[in-house]
């Protein structure tokens, strides 16, 4: 394995090892008990979150992604799951305001827990990883560009959450597979 692969894998391992598993368990409980889960993230963070939303659907959860035409109005009993690695993005702030006013619980995944977006959350999951908020100059710490370390760690976090939710919800690989689309 080349040094670049090893460096990337070591950095990912370091980032995910800094995630508080008790906080992940609580986030899983919130998602498992939600009437509906609505998700939002921009850019490459959004791509990771869309993959997680797909797995939530496979787990039998009612889930949507902001931007799709079928997103229902949020309210009491719902969870709005936002990924905002840098801790502040104007769209995230605005959407959290709407979801909070409607009574939804807010779960935020971030690398910057002191940011304005996590400050509005009911529950925060922190991934200690470089994002575009700290990828330049002396702050840059990853061999991976821009926010790639955070985005890669998101993938791992979400896959572990799927495993935890699978157990929590009493789902099996077979029940998940049965919900997979046949329109491909």
Protein backbone atom coordinates (compact mmCIF):
# COMPACT_ATOMS: atom_id res chain seq x y z
CA UNK A 1 0.00 0.00 0.00
CA UNK A 2 1.43 3.38 -0.93
CA UNK A 3 2.11 6.05 1.66
CA UNK A 4 -0.82 8.16 0.40
CA UNK A 5 -3.32 5.36 1.03
CA UNK A 6 -1.83 4.66 4.45
CA UNK A 7 -1.89 8.37 5.38
CA UNK A 8 -5.51 8.74 4.29
CA UNK A 9 -6.62 5.60 6.16
CA UNK A 10 -4.70 6.62 9.29
CA UNK A 11 -6.30 10.08 9.22
CA UNK A 12 -9.79 8.58 8.79
CA UNK A 13 -9.13 6.20 11.68
CA UNK A 14 -8.02 9.12 13.84
CA UNK A 15 -11.11 11.16 12.98
CA UNK A 16 -13.63 8.40 13.67
CA UNK A 17 -11.85 7.35 16.87
CA UNK A 18 -12.60 10.83 18.20
CA UNK A 19 -16.38 10.40 17.83
CA UNK A 20 -18.25 10.02 21.13
CA UNK A 21 -20.08 6.70 20.78
CA UNK A 22 -22.57 7.54 23.55
CA UNK A 23 -23.60 10.61 21.51
CA UNK A 24 -24.00 8.38 18.45
CA UNK A 25 -26.24 6.02 20.44
CA UNK A 26 -28.44 8.95 21.51
CA UNK A 27 -28.65 10.21 17.91
CA UNK A 28 -29.70 6.71 16.84
CA UNK A 29 -32.44 6.70 19.51
CA UNK A 30 -33.72 10.06 18.25
CA UNK A 31 -33.78 8.79 14.66
CA UNK A 32 -35.37 5.46 15.63
CA UNK A 33 -38.17 7.22 17.54
CA UNK A 34 -38.83 9.96 14.98
CA UNK A 35 -42.11 10.13 13.13
CA UNK A 36 -40.16 11.42 10.11
CA UNK A 37 -36.50 12.25 9.47
CA UNK A 38 -35.67 15.10 7.13
CA UNK A 39 -32.04 15.61 6.12
CA UNK A 40 -29.96 18.50 4.81
CA UNK A 41 -26.34 19.11 3.90
CA UNK A 42 -24.62 20.90 1.05
CA UNK A 43 -21.94 19.80 -1.38
CA UNK A 44 -20.03 16.58 -0.76
CA UNK A 45 -21.39 16.41 2.78
CA UNK A 46 -24.81 16.26 1.14
CA UNK A 47 -23.75 13.30 -0.98
CA UNK A 48 -22.78 11.36 2.15
CA UNK A 49 -26.05 12.33 3.84
CA UNK A 50 -28.12 11.22 0.85
CA UNK A 51 -26.52 7.79 1.13
CA UNK A 52 -27.50 7.69 4.81
CA UNK A 53 -31.06 8.79 3.97
CA UNK A 54 -31.26 5.92 1.49
CA UNK A 55 -30.23 3.45 4.19
CA UNK A 56 -32.77 4.95 6.61
CA UNK A 57 -35.39 4.20 3.97
CA UNK A 58 -34.06 0.64 3.71
CA UNK A 59 -34.44 0.43 7.49
CA UNK A 60 -38.14 1.25 7.11
CA UNK A 61 -37.93 4.83 8.33
CA UNK A 62 -39.95 7.70 6.88
CA UNK A 63 -37.19 9.93 5.49
CA UNK A 64 -36.70 12.78 3.03
CA UNK A 65 -33.94 15.02 1.71
CA UNK A 66 -34.39 18.80 1.54
CA UNK A 67 -34.65 19.78 -2.11
CA UNK A 68 -36.79 16.81 -3.14
CA UNK A 69 -40.34 17.69 -4.11
CA UNK A 70 -41.77 15.13 -1.69
CA UNK A 71 -40.42 16.61 1.57
CA UNK A 72 -43.36 16.87 3.97
CA UNK A 73 -43.91 19.72 6.39
CA UNK A 74 -42.00 19.02 9.60
CA UNK A 75 -43.54 19.15 13.04
CA UNK A 76 -43.61 17.65 16.51
CA UNK A 77 -42.12 14.17 16.60
CA UNK A 78 -39.88 14.75 13.57
CA UNK A 79 -36.09 14.98 13.41
CA UNK A 80 -34.22 17.40 11.17
CA UNK A 81 -30.73 15.97 10.63
CA UNK A 82 -28.24 18.55 9.37
CA UNK A 83 -24.59 18.06 8.48
CA UNK A 84 -22.58 21.27 8.69
CA UNK A 85 -18.89 20.46 8.97
CA UNK A 86 -17.67 24.06 9.16
CA UNK A 87 -20.24 24.93 11.83
CA UNK A 88 -21.90 27.76 9.95
CA UNK A 89 -23.64 27.80 6.59
CA UNK A 90 -26.46 30.27 5.98
CA UNK A 91 -28.82 27.74 4.39
CA UNK A 92 -28.43 25.41 7.37
CA UNK A 93 -29.18 28.26 9.77
CA UNK A 94 -32.33 29.23 7.87
CA UNK A 95 -33.66 25.67 7.56
CA UNK A 96 -33.00 24.91 11.22
CA UNK A 97 -35.00 28.01 12.11
CA UNK A 98 -37.98 26.73 10.13
CA UNK A 99 -37.73 23.18 11.53
CA UNK A 100 -37.34 24.40 15.12
CA UNK A 101 -40.33 26.74 14.80
CA UNK A 102 -42.38 23.77 13.58
CA UNK A 103 -41.39 21.72 16.64
CA UNK A 104 -38.91 19.26 15.09
CA UNK A 105 -35.85 18.05 17.02
CA UNK A 106 -32.57 19.20 15.49
CA UNK A 107 -29.58 16.84 15.19
CA UNK A 108 -26.36 18.34 13.83
CA UNK A 109 -23.20 16.57 12.71
CA UNK A 110 -20.21 18.92 12.60
CA UNK A 111 -16.47 19.30 13.02
CA UNK A 112 -16.93 22.70 14.65
CA UNK A 113 -19.19 22.22 17.70
CA UNK A 114 -18.83 25.86 18.77
CA UNK A 115 -20.33 27.11 15.49
CA UNK A 116 -23.68 28.85 15.10
CA UNK A 117 -25.39 25.82 13.53
CA UNK A 118 -24.56 23.36 16.35
CA UNK A 119 -25.59 26.02 18.88
CA UNK A 120 -29.17 25.66 17.59
CA UNK A 121 -29.23 21.86 17.84
CA UNK A 122 -30.95 19.64 20.36
CA UNK A 123 -28.21 17.06 19.82
CA UNK A 124 -24.71 17.44 18.33
CA UNK A 125 -22.37 14.78 16.96
CA UNK A 126 -18.80 15.98 16.53
CA UNK A 127 -16.32 14.48 14.10
CA UNK A 128 -12.88 15.94 14.88
CA UNK A 129 -11.70 16.34 11.29
CA UNK A 130 -10.50 19.01 8.91
CA UNK A 131 -13.17 20.78 6.86
CA UNK A 132 -13.03 23.78 4.55
CA UNK A 133 -13.23 25.91 7.70
CA UNK A 134 -9.66 24.97 8.59
CA UNK A 135 -7.97 23.59 5.46
CA UNK A 136 -5.56 26.44 4.72
CA UNK A 137 -2.27 27.69 6.08
CA UNK A 138 -1.11 26.55 9.49
CA UNK A 139 -4.56 25.06 10.25
CA UNK A 140 -4.33 22.50 7.43
CA UNK A 141 -3.60 19.11 8.97
CA UNK A 142 -4.79 16.49 6.47
CA UNK A 143 -3.14 15.01 3.43
CA UNK A 144 -6.66 14.94 1.95
CA UNK A 145 -7.86 18.16 0.29
CA UNK A 146 -10.37 20.63 1.68
CA UNK A 147 -13.14 18.81 3.63
CA UNK A 148 -12.43 15.29 2.37
CA UNK A 149 -11.35 13.98 5.78
CA UNK A 150 -14.65 15.07 7.36
CA UNK A 151 -16.63 13.70 4.41
CA UNK A 152 -14.88 10.31 4.56
CA UNK A 153 -15.44 10.12 8.30
CA UNK A 154 -19.13 10.94 7.69
CA UNK A 155 -19.41 7.83 5.55
CA UNK A 156 -17.97 5.67 8.32
CA UNK A 157 -20.14 7.33 10.99
CA UNK A 158 -23.30 6.82 8.96
CA UNK A 159 -22.51 3.16 8.22
CA UNK A 160 -21.97 2.51 11.93
CA UNK A 161 -25.25 4.30 12.69
CA UNK A 162 -26.98 2.02 10.16
CA UNK A 163 -25.63 -1.02 12.00
CA UNK A 164 -26.77 0.37 15.37
CA UNK A 165 -30.20 1.30 13.98
CA UNK A 166 -30.57 -2.12 12.35
CA UNK A 167 -30.28 -3.69 15.81
CA UNK A 168 -32.34 -1.00 17.56
CA UNK A 169 -35.19 -1.33 15.05
CA UNK A 170 -35.06 -5.13 14.85
CA UNK A 171 -34.31 -5.09 11.13
CA UNK A 172 -32.37 -7.69 9.17
CA UNK A 173 -30.36 -7.62 5.98
CA UNK A 174 -33.30 -9.37 4.34
CA UNK A 175 -35.90 -6.78 5.42
CA UNK A 176 -33.57 -3.99 4.32
CA UNK A 177 -32.96 -5.62 0.94
CA UNK A 178 -36.70 -6.07 0.42
CA UNK A 179 -37.09 -2.27 0.55
CA UNK A 180 -34.39 -1.65 -2.07
CA UNK A 181 -35.70 -0.18 -5.27
CA UNK A 182 -36.43 -2.42 -8.24
CA UNK A 183 -36.40 0.58 -10.58
CA UNK A 184 -32.69 0.44 -11.43
